[in-house]
Amino acid sequence: MSPAVRGPALFIGGDTDYVALVRPALDPADPDVRRAAEQAGVGPEEFAGAGDTWAVLLDSGGEGDGFELPGVRDTEPAGFAERLRDALAGPAAGPFEVDGGAVLRLDARPAGEGAYAFTAHITPPGDDAVPVTVETGPLPVDGLLADLDAFLGSLA
């Protein structure tokens, strides 16, 4: 069993093709976290860490990856989520782009009634980083808006 992970998370995509912004937080009081800490030879609080580092997770065709975003504050993922929410809730039903800074850009295009598909352009930090593109299938706008509201609420 893996330790319980909490924290704000925004997933855009499906089971195998997605991009996610997450700020994982382990609960030091969780029995699984306590066992894992004991096995690692450290205290649960040290094992759980500060829980304040954002990360980008991605999966494309079953090939997952991810990287940390040191120094990113909550305001940056919140701003990205707000811009995405505004674009989805706006009156135009055409393609749009949401810039998430140096590591993430979303290109959205209509994909049927009340749905969008996304192309996520992800550039991991570092000089030798190789950019990755993730294509999602159609995602219902209503579900995306609910997820965005929940994500923004978790940051409030």
N, C-alpha and C. Protein backbone atom coordinates (compact mmCIF):
# COMPACT_ATOMS: atom_id res chain seq x y z
N MET A 1 0.85 -1.17 0.00
CA MET A 1 0.00 0.00 0.00
C MET A 1 0.89 1.24 0.00
N SER A 2 0.53 2.23 -0.79
CA SER A 2 1.35 3.44 -0.84
C SER A 2 0.85 4.46 0.17
N PRO A 3 1.74 5.33 0.63
CA PRO A 3 1.34 6.35 1.59
C PRO A 3 0.25 7.26 1.02
N ALA A 4 -0.61 7.75 1.91
CA ALA A 4 -1.68 8.65 1.51
C ALA A 4 -1.09 9.99 1.07
N VAL A 5 -1.46 10.40 -0.12
CA VAL A 5 -0.96 11.66 -0.66
C VAL A 5 -2.15 12.61 -0.81
N ARG A 6 -1.98 13.82 -0.31
CA ARG A 6 -3.00 14.85 -0.44
C ARG A 6 -2.35 16.07 -1.06
N GLY A 7 -3.14 17.12 -1.18
CA GLY A 7 -2.62 18.37 -1.70
C GLY A 7 -3.36 18.76 -2.96
N PRO A 8 -3.26 20.03 -3.36
CA PRO A 8 -3.94 20.50 -4.56
C PRO A 8 -3.45 19.76 -5.81
N ALA A 9 -4.38 19.44 -6.69
CA ALA A 9 -4.02 18.76 -7.94
C ALA A 9 -5.02 19.13 -9.02
N LEU A 10 -4.51 19.44 -10.19
CA LEU A 10 -5.33 19.72 -11.36
C LEU A 10 -4.90 18.79 -12.48
N PHE A 11 -5.77 17.83 -12.84
CA PHE A 11 -5.51 16.89 -13.92
C PHE A 11 -6.30 17.30 -15.14
N ILE A 12 -5.64 17.33 -16.28
CA ILE A 12 -6.29 17.65 -17.55
C ILE A 12 -6.00 16.48 -18.48
N GLY A 13 -7.02 15.69 -18.74
CA GLY A 13 -6.87 14.54 -19.60
C GLY A 13 -7.61 13.34 -19.06
N GLY A 14 -7.21 12.16 -19.54
CA GLY A 14 -7.85 10.92 -19.14
C GLY A 14 -6.90 10.04 -18.35
N ASP A 15 -7.16 8.74 -18.36
CA ASP A 15 -6.36 7.80 -17.59
C ASP A 15 -4.93 7.65 -18.10
N THR A 16 -4.75 7.71 -19.41
CA THR A 16 -3.41 7.45 -19.95
C THR A 16 -2.79 8.64 -20.67
N ASP A 17 -3.55 9.66 -20.95
CA ASP A 17 -3.00 10.84 -21.61
C ASP A 17 -3.44 12.07 -20.82
N TYR A 18 -2.52 12.59 -20.02
CA TYR A 18 -2.87 13.73 -19.18
C TYR A 18 -1.64 14.55 -18.84
N VAL A 19 -1.91 15.75 -18.37
CA VAL A 19 -0.91 16.60 -17.73
C VAL A 19 -1.54 17.05 -16.42
N ALA A 20 -0.73 17.15 -15.38
CA ALA A 20 -1.25 17.52 -14.07
C ALA A 20 -0.29 18.47 -13.38
N LEU A 21 -0.88 19.43 -12.68
CA LEU A 21 -0.14 20.29 -11.76
C LEU A 21 -0.50 19.81 -10.36
N VAL A 22 0.49 19.44 -9.57
CA VAL A 22 0.22 18.91 -8.24
C VAL A 22 1.18 19.51 -7.22
N ARG A 23 0.68 19.63 -6.02
CA ARG A 23 1.52 19.98 -4.88
C ARG A 23 1.28 18.90 -3.83
N PRO A 24 2.00 17.77 -3.97
CA PRO A 24 1.74 16.64 -3.09
C PRO A 24 2.08 16.96 -1.64
N ALA A 25 1.28 16.40 -0.77
CA ALA A 25 1.52 16.54 0.67
C ALA A 25 1.21 15.20 1.32
N LEU A 26 2.16 14.67 2.04
CA LEU A 26 1.95 13.44 2.78
C LEU A 26 1.50 13.78 4.19
N ASP A 27 0.60 12.98 4.74
CA ASP A 27 0.11 13.18 6.09
C ASP A 27 0.99 12.39 7.05
N PRO A 28 1.78 13.05 7.90
CA PRO A 28 2.68 12.32 8.80
C PRO A 28 1.93 11.43 9.79
N ALA A 29 0.64 11.68 10.02
CA ALA A 29 -0.14 10.86 10.94
C ALA A 29 -0.71 9.61 10.28
N ASP A 30 -0.65 9.53 8.95
CA ASP A 30 -1.18 8.37 8.24
C ASP A 30 -0.34 7.14 8.57
N PRO A 31 -0.98 6.01 8.92
CA PRO A 31 -0.22 4.80 9.27
C PRO A 31 0.74 4.34 8.16
N ASP A 32 0.34 4.47 6.90
CA ASP A 32 1.22 4.08 5.81
C ASP A 32 2.45 4.97 5.72
N VAL A 33 2.27 6.26 5.97
CA VAL A 33 3.40 7.19 5.97
C VAL A 33 4.34 6.86 7.13
N ARG A 34 3.77 6.55 8.28
CA ARG A 34 4.58 6.21 9.46
C ARG A 34 5.41 4.94 9.19
N ARG A 35 4.80 3.94 8.56
CA ARG A 35 5.53 2.70 8.23
C ARG A 35 6.65 2.99 7.22
N ALA A 36 6.33 3.77 6.19
CA ALA A 36 7.34 4.09 5.18
C ALA A 36 8.49 4.88 5.79
N ALA A 37 8.17 5.79 6.70
CA ALA A 37 9.21 6.57 7.37
C ALA A 37 10.10 5.66 8.22
N GLU A 38 9.46 4.74 8.92
CA GLU A 38 10.22 3.80 9.75
C GLU A 38 11.17 2.96 8.88
N GLN A 39 10.66 2.49 7.75
CA GLN A 39 11.50 1.70 6.83
C GLN A 39 12.65 2.53 6.28
N ALA A 40 12.41 3.83 6.10
CA ALA A 40 13.46 4.71 5.58
C ALA A 40 14.40 5.18 6.67
N GLY A 41 14.05 4.91 7.95
CA GLY A 41 14.91 5.29 9.06
C GLY A 41 14.85 6.76 9.43
N VAL A 42 13.71 7.40 9.14
CA VAL A 42 13.53 8.81 9.49
C VAL A 42 12.18 8.97 10.18
N GLY A 43 11.99 10.13 10.79
CA GLY A 43 10.71 10.41 11.43
C GLY A 43 9.63 10.71 10.40
N PRO A 44 8.35 10.51 10.75
CA PRO A 44 7.26 10.74 9.81
C PRO A 44 7.21 12.18 9.28
N GLU A 45 7.51 13.15 10.13
CA GLU A 45 7.47 14.54 9.69
C GLU A 45 8.56 14.82 8.65
N GLU A 46 9.75 14.25 8.88
CA GLU A 46 10.83 14.44 7.92
C GLU A 46 10.50 13.72 6.61
N PHE A 47 9.95 12.50 6.72
CA PHE A 47 9.58 11.73 5.54
C PHE A 47 8.54 12.47 4.71
N ALA A 48 7.54 13.05 5.39
CA ALA A 48 6.46 13.75 4.69
C ALA A 48 6.95 15.02 4.04
N GLY A 49 7.94 15.67 4.63
CA GLY A 49 8.47 16.90 4.05
C GLY A 49 7.51 18.07 4.22
N ALA A 50 7.88 19.18 3.60
CA ALA A 50 7.12 20.42 3.76
C ALA A 50 5.83 20.41 2.95
N GLY A 51 5.78 19.66 1.87
CA GLY A 51 4.56 19.63 1.05
C GLY A 51 4.29 20.93 0.33
N ASP A 52 5.34 21.66 0.00
CA ASP A 52 5.13 22.95 -0.65
C ASP A 52 5.79 23.04 -2.03
N THR A 53 6.21 21.92 -2.58
CA THR A 53 6.86 21.93 -3.89
C THR A 53 5.89 21.46 -4.96
N TRP A 54 5.67 22.28 -5.95
CA TRP A 54 4.79 21.94 -7.07
C TRP A 54 5.53 21.02 -8.04
N ALA A 55 4.76 20.21 -8.75
CA ALA A 55 5.32 19.31 -9.74
C ALA A 55 4.38 19.24 -10.94
N VAL A 56 4.94 18.89 -12.08
CA VAL A 56 4.17 18.58 -13.28
C VAL A 56 4.27 17.08 -13.48
N LEU A 57 3.14 16.42 -13.61
CA LEU A 57 3.08 15.01 -13.94
C LEU A 57 2.49 14.90 -15.33
N LEU A 58 2.93 13.90 -16.08
CA LEU A 58 2.37 13.72 -17.41
C LEU A 58 2.39 12.26 -17.78
N ASP A 59 1.49 11.90 -18.67
CA ASP A 59 1.44 10.55 -19.20
C ASP A 59 0.95 10.66 -20.63
N SER A 60 1.64 9.99 -21.52
CA SER A 60 1.26 9.97 -22.92
C SER A 60 1.38 8.54 -23.42
N GLY A 61 0.23 7.93 -23.69
CA GLY A 61 0.24 6.56 -24.19
C GLY A 61 0.82 5.56 -23.21
N GLY A 62 0.66 5.81 -21.93
CA GLY A 62 1.17 4.89 -20.92
C GLY A 62 2.59 5.16 -20.49
N GLU A 63 3.24 6.15 -21.07
CA GLU A 63 4.60 6.52 -20.69
C GLU A 63 4.54 7.75 -19.79
N GLY A 64 4.66 7.53 -18.49
CA GLY A 64 4.55 8.62 -17.53
C GLY A 64 5.89 9.24 -17.21
N ASP A 65 5.83 10.48 -16.73
CA ASP A 65 7.02 11.20 -16.33
C ASP A 65 6.57 12.35 -15.43
N GLY A 66 7.49 13.08 -14.94
CA GLY A 66 7.18 14.24 -14.11
C GLY A 66 8.45 14.92 -13.65
N PHE A 67 8.26 16.11 -13.11
CA PHE A 67 9.40 16.87 -12.61
C PHE A 67 8.90 17.90 -11.63
N GLU A 68 9.77 18.27 -10.70
CA GLU A 68 9.44 19.28 -9.70
C GLU A 68 9.64 20.68 -10.27
N LEU A 69 8.92 21.61 -9.68
CA LEU A 69 9.01 23.03 -10.05
C LEU A 69 9.44 23.83 -8.82
N PRO A 70 10.72 23.76 -8.45
CA PRO A 70 11.17 24.47 -7.26
C PRO A 70 10.93 25.96 -7.39
N GLY A 71 10.51 26.56 -6.29
CA GLY A 71 10.32 28.01 -6.27
C GLY A 71 8.98 28.48 -6.78
N VAL A 72 8.13 27.58 -7.27
CA VAL A 72 6.80 27.99 -7.75
C VAL A 72 5.89 28.19 -6.55
N ARG A 73 5.24 29.33 -6.51
CA ARG A 73 4.29 29.64 -5.45
C ARG A 73 2.88 29.31 -5.92
N ASP A 74 1.96 29.18 -4.99
CA ASP A 74 0.57 28.83 -5.31
C ASP A 74 -0.07 29.79 -6.30
N THR A 75 0.36 31.04 -6.31
CA THR A 75 -0.26 32.03 -7.19
C THR A 75 -0.06 31.69 -8.66
N GLU A 76 1.03 31.03 -9.00
CA GLU A 76 1.29 30.71 -10.41
C GLU A 76 0.36 29.61 -10.94
N PRO A 77 0.24 28.45 -10.29
CA PRO A 77 -0.75 27.46 -10.74
C PRO A 77 -2.19 28.00 -10.65
N ALA A 78 -2.46 28.82 -9.64
CA ALA A 78 -3.80 29.40 -9.51
C ALA A 78 -4.08 30.33 -10.70
N GLY A 79 -3.12 31.14 -11.10
CA GLY A 79 -3.29 32.02 -12.25
C GLY A 79 -3.53 31.24 -13.53
N PHE A 80 -2.78 30.15 -13.71
CA PHE A 80 -2.97 29.29 -14.87
C PHE A 80 -4.40 28.72 -14.87
N ALA A 81 -4.83 28.20 -13.73
CA ALA A 81 -6.17 27.62 -13.62
C ALA A 81 -7.26 28.67 -13.87
N GLU A 82 -7.05 29.88 -13.37
CA GLU A 82 -8.04 30.95 -13.59
C GLU A 82 -8.12 31.32 -15.08
N ARG A 83 -6.98 31.40 -15.75
CA ARG A 83 -6.99 31.72 -17.19
C ARG A 83 -7.68 30.60 -17.98
N LEU A 84 -7.41 29.36 -17.62
CA LEU A 84 -8.07 28.24 -18.29
C LEU A 84 -9.57 28.27 -18.03
N ARG A 85 -9.96 28.54 -16.79
CA ARG A 85 -11.37 28.60 -16.45
C ARG A 85 -12.07 29.72 -17.22
N ASP A 86 -11.46 30.89 -17.27
CA ASP A 86 -12.04 32.02 -17.99
C ASP A 86 -12.23 31.68 -19.47
N ALA A 87 -11.25 31.03 -20.07
CA ALA A 87 -11.35 30.67 -21.49
C ALA A 87 -12.46 29.65 -21.73
N LEU A 88 -12.57 28.66 -20.83
CA LEU A 88 -13.60 27.63 -20.99
C LEU A 88 -15.00 28.18 -20.74
N ALA A 89 -15.11 29.13 -19.82
CA ALA A 89 -16.42 29.68 -19.46
C ALA A 89 -16.83 30.84 -20.37
N GLY A 90 -15.90 31.32 -21.20
CA GLY A 90 -16.17 32.47 -22.06
C GLY A 90 -17.13 32.13 -23.18
N PRO A 91 -17.58 33.15 -23.88
CA PRO A 91 -18.60 32.96 -24.92
C PRO A 91 -18.07 32.32 -26.21
N ALA A 92 -16.80 32.48 -26.50
CA ALA A 92 -16.27 31.95 -27.76
C ALA A 92 -16.14 30.44 -27.70
N ALA A 93 -16.48 29.78 -28.79
CA ALA A 93 -16.39 28.32 -28.84
C ALA A 93 -15.27 27.87 -29.77
N GLY A 94 -14.28 28.71 -29.96
CA GLY A 94 -13.18 28.38 -30.86
C GLY A 94 -11.95 27.93 -30.12
N PRO A 95 -10.87 27.70 -30.86
CA PRO A 95 -9.61 27.31 -30.23
C PRO A 95 -9.05 28.45 -29.38
N PHE A 96 -8.27 28.08 -28.37
CA PHE A 96 -7.60 29.08 -27.54
C PHE A 96 -6.34 28.47 -26.98
N GLU A 97 -5.50 29.34 -26.40
CA GLU A 97 -4.23 28.94 -25.79
C GLU A 97 -4.17 29.50 -24.38
N VAL A 98 -3.63 28.70 -23.46
CA VAL A 98 -3.39 29.17 -22.10
C VAL A 98 -1.92 28.94 -21.80
N ASP A 99 -1.23 30.04 -21.50
CA ASP A 99 0.19 29.99 -21.21
C ASP A 99 0.40 29.77 -19.73
N GLY A 100 1.15 28.73 -19.40
CA GLY A 100 1.46 28.43 -18.00
C GLY A 100 2.90 28.73 -17.65
N GLY A 101 3.54 29.58 -18.41
CA GLY A 101 4.93 29.93 -18.13
C GLY A 101 5.91 29.12 -18.95
N ALA A 102 7.11 29.02 -18.46
CA ALA A 102 8.19 28.39 -19.22
C ALA A 102 8.03 26.89 -19.40
N VAL A 103 7.25 26.23 -18.53
CA VAL A 103 7.18 24.76 -18.61
C VAL A 103 5.89 24.21 -19.20
N LEU A 104 4.83 25.01 -19.32
CA LEU A 104 3.55 24.46 -19.75
C LEU A 104 2.74 25.46 -20.57
N ARG A 105 2.23 24.97 -21.70
CA ARG A 105 1.29 25.73 -22.51
C ARG A 105 0.22 24.75 -22.99
N LEU A 106 -1.03 25.18 -22.93
CA LEU A 106 -2.15 24.36 -23.42
C LEU A 106 -2.75 24.99 -24.65
N ASP A 107 -2.89 24.20 -25.70
CA ASP A 107 -3.65 24.60 -26.88
C ASP A 107 -4.95 23.82 -26.82
N ALA A 108 -6.08 24.52 -26.86
CA ALA A 108 -7.39 23.88 -26.77
C ALA A 108 -8.14 24.05 -28.08
N ARG A 109 -8.89 23.02 -28.44
CA ARG A 109 -9.71 23.08 -29.64
C ARG A 109 -11.04 22.40 -29.35
N PRO A 110 -12.13 22.94 -29.91
CA PRO A 110 -13.44 22.30 -29.71
C PRO A 110 -13.40 20.85 -30.19
N ALA A 111 -14.07 19.98 -29.43
CA ALA A 111 -14.08 18.55 -29.76
C ALA A 111 -15.50 18.00 -29.57
N GLY A 112 -16.44 18.58 -30.29
CA GLY A 112 -17.83 18.17 -30.16
C GLY A 112 -18.59 19.11 -29.24
N GLU A 113 -19.85 18.83 -29.08
CA GLU A 113 -20.73 19.67 -28.27
C GLU A 113 -20.29 19.68 -26.80
N GLY A 114 -19.94 20.85 -26.29
CA GLY A 114 -19.59 21.00 -24.88
C GLY A 114 -18.30 20.30 -24.47
N ALA A 115 -17.37 20.15 -25.40
CA ALA A 115 -16.11 19.46 -25.07
C ALA A 115 -14.93 20.12 -25.77
N TYR A 116 -13.78 19.95 -25.19
CA TYR A 116 -12.52 20.42 -25.77
C TYR A 116 -11.49 19.29 -25.69
N ALA A 117 -10.58 19.29 -26.63
CA ALA A 117 -9.39 18.45 -26.58
C ALA A 117 -8.20 19.39 -26.43
N PHE A 118 -7.14 18.90 -25.81
CA PHE A 118 -5.99 19.74 -25.51
C PHE A 118 -4.71 19.13 -26.04
N THR A 119 -3.81 20.02 -26.43
CA THR A 119 -2.43 19.66 -26.69
C THR A 119 -1.62 20.40 -25.64
N ALA A 120 -0.97 19.64 -24.77
CA ALA A 120 -0.13 20.23 -23.73
C ALA A 120 1.31 20.20 -24.21
N HIS A 121 1.93 21.36 -24.22
CA HIS A 121 3.34 21.50 -24.59
C HIS A 121 4.12 21.68 -23.29
N ILE A 122 4.93 20.70 -22.95
CA ILE A 122 5.61 20.66 -21.66
C ILE A 122 7.12 20.71 -21.90
N THR A 123 7.78 21.65 -21.22
CA THR A 123 9.23 21.76 -21.32
C THR A 123 9.80 21.66 -19.92
N PRO A 124 10.36 20.50 -19.56
CA PRO A 124 10.97 20.37 -18.23
C PRO A 124 12.10 21.37 -18.06
N PRO A 125 12.36 21.78 -16.82
CA PRO A 125 13.47 22.71 -16.59
C PRO A 125 14.81 22.02 -16.85
N GLY A 126 15.80 22.80 -17.16
CA GLY A 126 17.15 22.27 -17.38
C GLY A 126 17.59 22.47 -18.81
N ASP A 127 18.89 22.62 -18.98
CA ASP A 127 19.45 22.88 -20.30
C ASP A 127 19.31 21.71 -21.25
N ASP A 128 19.33 20.49 -20.72
CA ASP A 128 19.25 19.31 -21.58
C ASP A 128 17.84 18.72 -21.66
N ALA A 129 16.85 19.47 -21.20
CA ALA A 129 15.47 18.98 -21.18
C ALA A 129 14.92 18.84 -22.60
N VAL A 130 14.15 17.78 -22.78
CA VAL A 130 13.52 17.52 -24.07
C VAL A 130 12.04 17.84 -23.95
N PRO A 131 11.51 18.77 -24.75
CA PRO A 131 10.08 19.09 -24.69
C PRO A 131 9.23 17.86 -25.02
N VAL A 132 8.06 17.81 -24.39
CA VAL A 132 7.11 16.71 -24.56
C VAL A 132 5.76 17.30 -24.94
N THR A 133 5.03 16.58 -25.79
CA THR A 133 3.68 16.98 -26.16
C THR A 133 2.72 15.87 -25.74
N VAL A 134 1.63 16.26 -25.09
CA VAL A 134 0.60 15.31 -24.68
C VAL A 134 -0.72 15.74 -25.31
N GLU A 135 -1.36 14.82 -26.01
CA GLU A 135 -2.67 15.06 -26.63
C GLU A 135 -3.73 14.38 -25.78
N THR A 136 -4.76 15.13 -25.40
CA THR A 136 -5.88 14.52 -24.67
C THR A 136 -7.02 14.27 -25.63
N GLY A 137 -7.87 13.38 -25.26
CA GLY A 137 -9.11 13.19 -25.99
C GLY A 137 -10.09 14.26 -25.59
N PRO A 138 -11.31 14.20 -26.13
CA PRO A 138 -12.32 15.19 -25.77
C PRO A 138 -12.65 15.13 -24.27
N LEU A 139 -12.71 16.30 -23.66
CA LEU A 139 -13.04 16.42 -22.24
C LEU A 139 -14.24 17.34 -22.11
N PRO A 140 -15.25 16.94 -21.34
CA PRO A 140 -16.44 17.77 -21.19
C PRO A 140 -16.13 19.07 -20.42
N VAL A 141 -16.61 20.17 -20.96
CA VAL A 141 -16.35 21.48 -20.35
C VAL A 141 -16.91 21.54 -18.94
N ASP A 142 -18.11 21.00 -18.72
CA ASP A 142 -18.71 21.05 -17.38
C ASP A 142 -17.82 20.37 -16.34
N GLY A 143 -17.26 19.22 -16.69
CA GLY A 143 -16.37 18.51 -15.78
C GLY A 143 -15.08 19.28 -15.54
N LEU A 144 -14.53 19.88 -16.59
CA LEU A 144 -13.31 20.68 -16.44
C LEU A 144 -13.55 21.89 -15.54
N LEU A 145 -14.69 22.56 -15.73
CA LEU A 145 -14.99 23.72 -14.89
C LEU A 145 -15.14 23.32 -13.42
N ALA A 146 -15.78 22.18 -13.17
CA ALA A 146 -15.93 21.69 -11.79
C ALA A 146 -14.55 21.37 -11.20
N ASP A 147 -13.69 20.72 -11.99
CA ASP A 147 -12.33 20.41 -11.51
C ASP A 147 -11.53 21.68 -11.23
N LEU A 148 -11.66 22.66 -12.11
CA LEU A 148 -10.95 23.93 -11.91
C LEU A 148 -11.44 24.64 -10.66
N ASP A 149 -12.76 24.65 -10.44
CA ASP A 149 -13.29 25.28 -9.23
C ASP A 149 -12.79 24.57 -7.97
N ALA A 150 -12.76 23.23 -8.00
CA ALA A 150 -12.27 22.48 -6.84
C ALA A 150 -10.78 22.77 -6.60
N PHE A 151 -10.01 22.82 -7.68
CA PHE A 151 -8.58 23.11 -7.57
C PHE A 151 -8.36 24.50 -6.98
N LEU A 152 -9.05 25.48 -7.53
CA LEU A 152 -8.89 26.85 -7.01
C LEU A 152 -9.36 26.95 -5.57
N GLY A 153 -10.42 26.22 -5.23
CA GLY A 153 -10.89 26.21 -3.84
C GLY A 153 -9.88 25.60 -2.90
N SER A 154 -9.13 24.60 -3.37
CA SER A 154 -8.12 23.95 -2.53
C SER A 154 -6.93 24.89 -2.25
N LEU A 155 -6.78 25.90 -3.07
CA LEU A 155 -5.68 26.86 -2.89
C LEU A 155 -6.08 28.07 -2.07
N ALA A 156 -7.37 28.22 -1.86
CA ALA A 156 -7.86 29.41 -1.14
C ALA A 156 -7.55 29.36 0.34
